[in-house]
Amino acid sequence: MSTPATQTLTRLGLAYRLHEYDHDPRAASYGLEAAEAIGADPDRVFKTLMVDLDGQLCVGIVPVTCSLDLKALAAALGGKKAAMADVDRAQRATGYVVGGISPVGQKKTHRTVLDETAELWDTVFVSGGRRGLDIELTPADLVDVTGALVAGIAR
């Protein structure tokens, strides 16, 4: 399965594992669906959220069991006003569809913050670039490939 996310990780020589599953379009939560389908602890499965911070898009990556603390994300990036990004804008800027937005291999580089709980795990799961595909990789490799800051942004 090739997506911009897998192509980026392969090009950089980073180790990862793919986890493919049958996505149910009726699922109430893409992330919780992924955790159940791949048999992973939901606290290890992270969702990628696009945020408008002072007019610029940025990325927040938090466990699927949590929500994003917009004020904490803004503080981590030295911004003032944060709101969830418009869906169409997020899809255009990343090249991915909502529910399949990966923090890896986006069309443009966005400032990124990874929730600090990722460092509690040897590996974490993020979207592989489409619904029904997750990538498992180390938190350190996720930070490296995205240029992420690590901070407490989940609540």
N, C-alpha and C. Protein backbone atom coordinates (compact mmCIF):
# COMPACT_ATOMS: atom_id res chain seq x y z
N MET A 1 0.86 -1.19 0.00
CA MET A 1 0.00 0.00 0.00
C MET A 1 0.89 1.23 0.00
N SER A 2 0.79 2.02 -1.04
CA SER A 2 1.63 3.21 -1.16
C SER A 2 0.79 4.47 -1.02
N THR A 3 1.21 5.33 -0.12
CA THR A 3 0.60 6.64 0.06
C THR A 3 1.76 7.63 0.20
N PRO A 4 1.50 8.93 0.13
CA PRO A 4 2.59 9.88 0.37
C PRO A 4 3.27 9.64 1.73
N ALA A 5 2.53 9.19 2.73
CA ALA A 5 3.12 8.92 4.05
C ALA A 5 4.10 7.76 3.97
N THR A 6 3.70 6.65 3.37
CA THR A 6 4.59 5.49 3.28
C THR A 6 5.77 5.80 2.37
N GLN A 7 5.54 6.54 1.31
CA GLN A 7 6.63 6.91 0.41
C GLN A 7 7.67 7.76 1.14
N THR A 8 7.21 8.69 1.97
CA THR A 8 8.12 9.55 2.73
C THR A 8 8.95 8.73 3.71
N LEU A 9 8.30 7.86 4.46
CA LEU A 9 9.01 7.04 5.45
C LEU A 9 10.02 6.12 4.76
N THR A 10 9.63 5.53 3.65
CA THR A 10 10.53 4.65 2.91
C THR A 10 11.73 5.43 2.37
N ARG A 11 11.46 6.59 1.78
CA ARG A 11 12.54 7.42 1.22
C ARG A 11 13.55 7.81 2.30
N LEU A 12 13.07 8.06 3.52
CA LEU A 12 13.95 8.46 4.62
C LEU A 12 14.58 7.27 5.33
N GLY A 13 14.19 6.06 4.95
CA GLY A 13 14.77 4.87 5.55
C GLY A 13 14.31 4.61 6.97
N LEU A 14 13.12 5.11 7.33
CA LEU A 14 12.60 4.92 8.69
C LEU A 14 11.79 3.63 8.76
N ALA A 15 11.91 2.94 9.87
CA ALA A 15 11.18 1.68 10.07
C ALA A 15 9.73 1.98 10.43
N TYR A 16 8.84 1.22 9.81
CA TYR A 16 7.41 1.34 10.13
C TYR A 16 6.72 0.04 9.74
N ARG A 17 5.53 -0.14 10.32
CA ARG A 17 4.67 -1.28 9.97
C ARG A 17 3.32 -0.74 9.55
N LEU A 18 2.76 -1.33 8.52
CA LEU A 18 1.42 -0.96 8.07
C LEU A 18 0.38 -1.87 8.70
N HIS A 19 -0.75 -1.28 9.04
CA HIS A 19 -1.89 -2.02 9.59
C HIS A 19 -3.11 -1.61 8.78
N GLU A 20 -3.56 -2.51 7.94
CA GLU A 20 -4.71 -2.24 7.08
C GLU A 20 -5.95 -2.91 7.68
N TYR A 21 -7.09 -2.26 7.54
CA TYR A 21 -8.34 -2.82 8.05
C TYR A 21 -9.48 -2.31 7.19
N ASP A 22 -10.61 -2.99 7.27
CA ASP A 22 -11.79 -2.58 6.53
C ASP A 22 -12.48 -1.44 7.27
N HIS A 23 -12.44 -0.27 6.67
CA HIS A 23 -13.06 0.91 7.28
C HIS A 23 -14.57 0.85 7.09
N ASP A 24 -15.29 1.12 8.16
CA ASP A 24 -16.75 1.20 8.12
C ASP A 24 -17.13 2.67 8.06
N PRO A 25 -17.71 3.15 6.95
CA PRO A 25 -18.05 4.57 6.84
C PRO A 25 -19.06 5.04 7.89
N ARG A 26 -19.72 4.10 8.56
CA ARG A 26 -20.68 4.48 9.61
C ARG A 26 -20.03 4.62 10.97
N ALA A 27 -18.73 4.36 11.07
CA ALA A 27 -18.04 4.43 12.36
C ALA A 27 -18.14 5.83 12.95
N ALA A 28 -18.45 5.90 14.23
CA ALA A 28 -18.60 7.19 14.90
C ALA A 28 -17.26 7.88 15.12
N SER A 29 -16.19 7.10 15.28
CA SER A 29 -14.86 7.65 15.50
C SER A 29 -13.85 6.86 14.67
N TYR A 30 -13.21 7.52 13.72
CA TYR A 30 -12.22 6.84 12.89
C TYR A 30 -11.11 6.26 13.74
N GLY A 31 -10.64 7.01 14.73
CA GLY A 31 -9.53 6.57 15.56
C GLY A 31 -9.87 5.38 16.43
N LEU A 32 -11.02 5.41 17.08
CA LEU A 32 -11.42 4.27 17.92
C LEU A 32 -11.70 3.05 17.06
N GLU A 33 -12.23 3.27 15.86
CA GLU A 33 -12.44 2.17 14.93
C GLU A 33 -11.10 1.53 14.59
N ALA A 34 -10.10 2.36 14.31
CA ALA A 34 -8.77 1.86 13.96
C ALA A 34 -8.18 1.05 15.11
N ALA A 35 -8.26 1.58 16.32
CA ALA A 35 -7.71 0.89 17.48
C ALA A 35 -8.32 -0.49 17.64
N GLU A 36 -9.63 -0.56 17.53
CA GLU A 36 -10.31 -1.85 17.68
C GLU A 36 -9.93 -2.79 16.54
N ALA A 37 -9.92 -2.28 15.33
CA ALA A 37 -9.66 -3.13 14.16
C ALA A 37 -8.25 -3.71 14.15
N ILE A 38 -7.28 -2.94 14.63
CA ILE A 38 -5.89 -3.43 14.60
C ILE A 38 -5.47 -4.03 15.94
N GLY A 39 -6.37 -4.01 16.92
CA GLY A 39 -6.09 -4.63 18.21
C GLY A 39 -5.07 -3.87 19.04
N ALA A 40 -5.09 -2.55 18.93
CA ALA A 40 -4.13 -1.71 19.66
C ALA A 40 -4.82 -0.99 20.82
N ASP A 41 -4.06 -0.74 21.86
CA ASP A 41 -4.54 0.08 22.97
C ASP A 41 -4.91 1.44 22.39
N PRO A 42 -6.13 1.93 22.59
CA PRO A 42 -6.54 3.21 22.02
C PRO A 42 -5.65 4.40 22.43
N ASP A 43 -4.98 4.28 23.57
CA ASP A 43 -4.08 5.36 23.99
C ASP A 43 -2.80 5.41 23.15
N ARG A 44 -2.54 4.36 22.37
CA ARG A 44 -1.38 4.30 21.47
C ARG A 44 -1.73 4.76 20.06
N VAL A 45 -3.02 4.92 19.78
CA VAL A 45 -3.48 5.32 18.45
C VAL A 45 -3.74 6.82 18.49
N PHE A 46 -3.08 7.54 17.60
CA PHE A 46 -3.13 9.00 17.62
C PHE A 46 -3.86 9.53 16.39
N LYS A 47 -4.63 10.60 16.61
CA LYS A 47 -5.33 11.24 15.50
C LYS A 47 -4.59 12.52 15.12
N THR A 48 -4.70 12.85 13.86
CA THR A 48 -4.05 14.04 13.30
C THR A 48 -5.13 15.10 13.08
N LEU A 49 -4.98 16.22 13.74
CA LEU A 49 -5.98 17.29 13.64
C LEU A 49 -5.34 18.55 13.08
N MET A 50 -6.00 19.12 12.09
CA MET A 50 -5.51 20.35 11.48
C MET A 50 -6.16 21.54 12.18
N VAL A 51 -5.32 22.50 12.52
CA VAL A 51 -5.74 23.65 13.31
C VAL A 51 -5.35 24.93 12.58
N ASP A 52 -6.24 25.92 12.65
CA ASP A 52 -5.93 27.26 12.16
C ASP A 52 -5.40 28.05 13.36
N LEU A 53 -4.11 28.36 13.33
CA LEU A 53 -3.49 29.12 14.41
C LEU A 53 -3.06 30.47 13.85
N ASP A 54 -3.76 31.50 14.28
CA ASP A 54 -3.46 32.87 13.84
C ASP A 54 -3.40 32.96 12.31
N GLY A 55 -4.30 32.22 11.63
CA GLY A 55 -4.40 32.28 10.18
C GLY A 55 -3.53 31.29 9.43
N GLN A 56 -2.70 30.54 10.14
CA GLN A 56 -1.82 29.55 9.52
C GLN A 56 -2.23 28.14 9.96
N LEU A 57 -2.16 27.19 9.05
CA LEU A 57 -2.48 25.82 9.41
C LEU A 57 -1.32 25.20 10.18
N CYS A 58 -1.66 24.40 11.17
CA CYS A 58 -0.69 23.61 11.91
C CYS A 58 -1.34 22.28 12.28
N VAL A 59 -0.56 21.39 12.86
CA VAL A 59 -1.02 20.04 13.13
C VAL A 59 -0.91 19.74 14.62
N GLY A 60 -1.96 19.14 15.17
CA GLY A 60 -1.93 18.61 16.53
C GLY A 60 -2.16 17.11 16.45
N ILE A 61 -1.32 16.34 17.14
CA ILE A 61 -1.43 14.88 17.13
C ILE A 61 -1.67 14.43 18.57
N VAL A 62 -2.86 13.86 18.81
CA VAL A 62 -3.25 13.46 20.16
C VAL A 62 -3.86 12.06 20.14
N PRO A 63 -3.86 11.37 21.29
CA PRO A 63 -4.49 10.05 21.34
C PRO A 63 -5.98 10.13 20.96
N VAL A 64 -6.47 9.07 20.33
CA VAL A 64 -7.87 9.07 19.91
C VAL A 64 -8.83 9.07 21.09
N THR A 65 -8.33 8.76 22.27
CA THR A 65 -9.15 8.76 23.48
C THR A 65 -9.29 10.15 24.09
N CYS A 66 -8.60 11.12 23.53
CA CYS A 66 -8.57 12.47 24.08
C CYS A 66 -9.07 13.48 23.05
N SER A 67 -9.21 14.70 23.51
CA SER A 67 -9.48 15.80 22.59
C SER A 67 -8.28 16.74 22.61
N LEU A 68 -8.21 17.57 21.61
CA LEU A 68 -7.10 18.52 21.49
C LEU A 68 -7.40 19.77 22.31
N ASP A 69 -6.46 20.16 23.13
CA ASP A 69 -6.55 21.40 23.90
C ASP A 69 -5.97 22.50 23.02
N LEU A 70 -6.86 23.27 22.39
CA LEU A 70 -6.44 24.31 21.44
C LEU A 70 -5.56 25.37 22.10
N LYS A 71 -5.87 25.74 23.33
CA LYS A 71 -5.05 26.74 24.03
C LYS A 71 -3.64 26.22 24.28
N ALA A 72 -3.54 24.95 24.64
CA ALA A 72 -2.21 24.36 24.88
C ALA A 72 -1.41 24.27 23.59
N LEU A 73 -2.08 23.94 22.49
CA LEU A 73 -1.39 23.89 21.20
C LEU A 73 -0.90 25.28 20.82
N ALA A 74 -1.76 26.28 20.98
CA ALA A 74 -1.37 27.66 20.66
C ALA A 74 -0.17 28.08 21.51
N ALA A 75 -0.21 27.77 22.78
CA ALA A 75 0.90 28.13 23.67
C ALA A 75 2.19 27.43 23.25
N ALA A 76 2.10 26.15 22.88
CA ALA A 76 3.28 25.39 22.49
C ALA A 76 3.94 25.99 21.25
N LEU A 77 3.13 26.56 20.36
CA LEU A 77 3.66 27.13 19.12
C LEU A 77 3.81 28.65 19.18
N GLY A 78 3.56 29.23 20.35
CA GLY A 78 3.72 30.67 20.51
C GLY A 78 2.66 31.48 19.79
N GLY A 79 1.48 30.90 19.61
CA GLY A 79 0.39 31.59 18.93
C GLY A 79 -0.64 32.11 19.91
N LYS A 80 -1.64 32.77 19.36
CA LYS A 80 -2.68 33.36 20.20
C LYS A 80 -4.03 32.69 20.04
N LYS A 81 -4.54 32.66 18.80
CA LYS A 81 -5.89 32.18 18.58
C LYS A 81 -5.88 30.92 17.73
N ALA A 82 -6.41 29.84 18.30
CA ALA A 82 -6.45 28.56 17.60
C ALA A 82 -7.89 28.08 17.49
N ALA A 83 -8.21 27.53 16.32
CA ALA A 83 -9.52 26.94 16.07
C ALA A 83 -9.32 25.76 15.12
N MET A 84 -10.22 24.82 15.16
CA MET A 84 -10.12 23.70 14.22
C MET A 84 -10.21 24.26 12.79
N ALA A 85 -9.39 23.72 11.92
CA ALA A 85 -9.34 24.18 10.54
C ALA A 85 -10.58 23.75 9.77
N ASP A 86 -10.92 24.52 8.78
CA ASP A 86 -11.99 24.17 7.85
C ASP A 86 -11.61 22.86 7.16
N VAL A 87 -12.57 21.95 7.03
CA VAL A 87 -12.32 20.63 6.46
C VAL A 87 -11.75 20.74 5.05
N ASP A 88 -12.36 21.54 4.20
CA ASP A 88 -11.88 21.66 2.81
C ASP A 88 -10.46 22.21 2.77
N ARG A 89 -10.19 23.18 3.60
CA ARG A 89 -8.84 23.77 3.64
C ARG A 89 -7.83 22.73 4.12
N ALA A 90 -8.19 21.96 5.13
CA ALA A 90 -7.30 20.92 5.65
C ALA A 90 -7.01 19.87 4.58
N GLN A 91 -8.02 19.46 3.86
CA GLN A 91 -7.84 18.45 2.83
C GLN A 91 -6.97 18.97 1.69
N ARG A 92 -7.20 20.20 1.27
CA ARG A 92 -6.38 20.79 0.19
C ARG A 92 -4.92 20.93 0.62
N ALA A 93 -4.69 21.36 1.84
CA ALA A 93 -3.33 21.62 2.31
C ALA A 93 -2.53 20.35 2.57
N THR A 94 -3.22 19.27 2.90
CA THR A 94 -2.51 18.03 3.24
C THR A 94 -2.46 17.04 2.09
N GLY A 95 -3.44 17.10 1.21
CA GLY A 95 -3.54 16.10 0.15
C GLY A 95 -4.24 14.82 0.60
N TYR A 96 -4.77 14.84 1.80
CA TYR A 96 -5.48 13.69 2.37
C TYR A 96 -6.93 14.05 2.65
N VAL A 97 -7.78 13.01 2.79
CA VAL A 97 -9.17 13.25 3.17
C VAL A 97 -9.32 13.12 4.68
N VAL A 98 -10.27 13.85 5.23
CA VAL A 98 -10.54 13.77 6.68
C VAL A 98 -10.83 12.32 7.04
N GLY A 99 -10.28 11.90 8.15
CA GLY A 99 -10.38 10.50 8.56
C GLY A 99 -9.19 9.70 8.06
N GLY A 100 -8.42 10.31 7.18
CA GLY A 100 -7.23 9.66 6.64
C GLY A 100 -6.05 10.61 6.57
N ILE A 101 -6.16 11.75 7.26
CA ILE A 101 -5.06 12.72 7.25
C ILE A 101 -3.91 12.19 8.08
N SER A 102 -2.79 12.00 7.43
CA SER A 102 -1.58 11.55 8.11
C SER A 102 -0.73 12.77 8.46
N PRO A 103 0.00 12.71 9.57
CA PRO A 103 0.92 13.80 9.86
C PRO A 103 2.17 13.72 8.98
N VAL A 104 2.34 12.58 8.30
CA VAL A 104 3.52 12.31 7.48
C VAL A 104 3.16 12.47 6.00
N GLY A 105 4.04 13.11 5.24
CA GLY A 105 3.85 13.18 3.79
C GLY A 105 2.79 14.16 3.33
N GLN A 106 2.51 15.18 4.13
CA GLN A 106 1.54 16.18 3.70
C GLN A 106 2.11 17.00 2.55
N LYS A 107 1.23 17.59 1.74
CA LYS A 107 1.65 18.40 0.59
C LYS A 107 2.61 19.51 0.99
N LYS A 108 2.32 20.15 2.10
CA LYS A 108 3.15 21.24 2.62
C LYS A 108 3.59 20.88 4.03
N THR A 109 4.68 21.45 4.45
CA THR A 109 5.14 21.26 5.83
C THR A 109 4.37 22.21 6.74
N HIS A 110 3.81 21.66 7.79
CA HIS A 110 3.09 22.46 8.77
C HIS A 110 3.75 22.30 10.13
N ARG A 111 3.73 23.37 10.92
CA ARG A 111 4.22 23.24 12.29
C ARG A 111 3.36 22.20 12.99
N THR A 112 4.02 21.33 13.73
CA THR A 112 3.35 20.16 14.30
C THR A 112 3.69 20.02 15.77
N VAL A 113 2.67 19.62 16.55
CA VAL A 113 2.88 19.32 17.97
C VAL A 113 2.32 17.93 18.23
N LEU A 114 3.15 17.09 18.84
CA LEU A 114 2.77 15.74 19.23
C LEU A 114 2.54 15.73 20.73
N ASP A 115 1.41 15.16 21.15
CA ASP A 115 1.15 15.10 22.59
C ASP A 115 2.22 14.26 23.29
N GLU A 116 2.61 14.74 24.45
CA GLU A 116 3.70 14.12 25.22
C GLU A 116 3.44 12.67 25.61
N THR A 117 2.19 12.24 25.64
CA THR A 117 1.91 10.86 26.01
C THR A 117 2.44 9.86 24.99
N ALA A 118 2.75 10.31 23.79
CA ALA A 118 3.33 9.40 22.78
C ALA A 118 4.63 8.80 23.29
N GLU A 119 5.35 9.56 24.09
CA GLU A 119 6.65 9.08 24.57
C GLU A 119 6.53 7.98 25.62
N LEU A 120 5.32 7.66 26.05
CA LEU A 120 5.10 6.57 26.98
C LEU A 120 5.17 5.20 26.30
N TRP A 121 5.13 5.19 24.98
CA TRP A 121 5.03 3.96 24.20
C TRP A 121 6.29 3.74 23.37
N ASP A 122 6.62 2.46 23.13
CA ASP A 122 7.72 2.13 22.23
C ASP A 122 7.35 2.50 20.80
N THR A 123 6.10 2.23 20.42
CA THR A 123 5.60 2.62 19.11
C THR A 123 4.19 3.18 19.26
N VAL A 124 3.80 4.00 18.30
CA VAL A 124 2.46 4.57 18.25
C VAL A 124 1.91 4.37 16.84
N PHE A 125 0.62 4.59 16.70
CA PHE A 125 -0.06 4.44 15.42
C PHE A 125 -0.61 5.79 14.98
N VAL A 126 -0.43 6.12 13.71
CA VAL A 126 -1.04 7.31 13.11
C VAL A 126 -1.62 6.90 11.77
N SER A 127 -2.46 7.74 11.21
CA SER A 127 -3.05 7.43 9.91
C SER A 127 -1.96 7.25 8.87
N GLY A 128 -2.18 6.27 8.00
CA GLY A 128 -1.24 6.01 6.92
C GLY A 128 -1.54 6.78 5.65
N GLY A 129 -2.54 7.63 5.70
CA GLY A 129 -2.84 8.46 4.53
C GLY A 129 -4.13 8.13 3.83
N ARG A 130 -4.86 7.20 4.40
CA ARG A 130 -6.21 6.92 3.90
C ARG A 130 -6.98 6.22 5.01
N ARG A 131 -8.30 6.27 4.92
CA ARG A 131 -9.12 5.57 5.89
C ARG A 131 -8.87 4.08 5.74
N GLY A 132 -8.70 3.41 6.88
CA GLY A 132 -8.45 1.97 6.84
C GLY A 132 -6.98 1.60 6.77
N LEU A 133 -6.09 2.57 7.01
CA LEU A 133 -4.66 2.27 6.98
C LEU A 133 -3.96 3.07 8.08
N ASP A 134 -3.31 2.36 8.98
CA ASP A 134 -2.52 3.01 10.03
C ASP A 134 -1.05 2.60 9.90
N ILE A 135 -0.18 3.51 10.32
CA ILE A 135 1.26 3.28 10.33
C ILE A 135 1.69 3.19 11.79
N GLU A 136 2.48 2.19 12.09
CA GLU A 136 3.08 2.05 13.42
C GLU A 136 4.55 2.42 13.31
N LEU A 137 4.98 3.36 14.15
CA LEU A 137 6.37 3.79 14.16
C LEU A 137 6.74 4.29 15.54
N THR A 138 8.02 4.52 15.78
CA THR A 138 8.43 5.01 17.10
C THR A 138 8.07 6.49 17.22
N PRO A 139 7.79 6.94 18.44
CA PRO A 139 7.53 8.37 18.64
C PRO A 139 8.70 9.22 18.16
N ALA A 140 9.93 8.76 18.38
CA ALA A 140 11.10 9.53 17.95
C ALA A 140 11.13 9.70 16.44
N ASP A 141 10.80 8.63 15.70
CA ASP A 141 10.77 8.75 14.23
C ASP A 141 9.63 9.66 13.78
N LEU A 142 8.50 9.62 14.49
CA LEU A 142 7.39 10.51 14.16
C LEU A 142 7.80 11.97 14.35
N VAL A 143 8.50 12.24 15.44
CA VAL A 143 9.00 13.60 15.70
C VAL A 143 9.99 14.01 14.60
N ASP A 144 10.89 13.10 14.26
CA ASP A 144 11.90 13.42 13.24
C ASP A 144 11.27 13.72 11.88
N VAL A 145 10.36 12.87 11.45
CA VAL A 145 9.80 13.01 10.10
C VAL A 145 8.86 14.22 9.98
N THR A 146 8.23 14.62 11.09
CA THR A 146 7.30 15.75 11.04
C THR A 146 7.91 17.05 11.56
N GLY A 147 9.06 16.95 12.23
CA GLY A 147 9.64 18.14 12.86
C GLY A 147 8.82 18.61 14.05
N ALA A 148 8.09 17.69 14.66
CA ALA A 148 7.16 18.05 15.73
C ALA A 148 7.84 18.48 17.01
N LEU A 149 7.17 19.37 17.71
CA LEU A 149 7.47 19.67 19.10
C LEU A 149 6.68 18.66 19.93
N VAL A 150 7.15 18.32 21.09
CA VAL A 150 6.42 17.43 21.99
C VAL A 150 5.96 18.28 23.18
N ALA A 151 4.65 18.25 23.42
CA ALA A 151 4.08 19.06 24.51
C ALA A 151 2.76 18.44 24.96
N GLY A 152 2.29 18.84 26.11
CA GLY A 152 0.99 18.39 26.62
C GLY A 152 -0.14 19.14 25.94
N ILE A 153 -0.72 18.55 24.92
CA ILE A 153 -1.80 19.23 24.17
C ILE A 153 -3.11 18.45 24.19
N ALA A 154 -3.15 17.33 24.92
CA ALA A 154 -4.37 16.52 24.99
C ALA A 154 -5.11 16.81 26.28
N ARG A 155 -6.42 16.66 26.22
CA ARG A 155 -7.22 16.73 27.44
C ARG A 155 -8.31 15.68 27.38
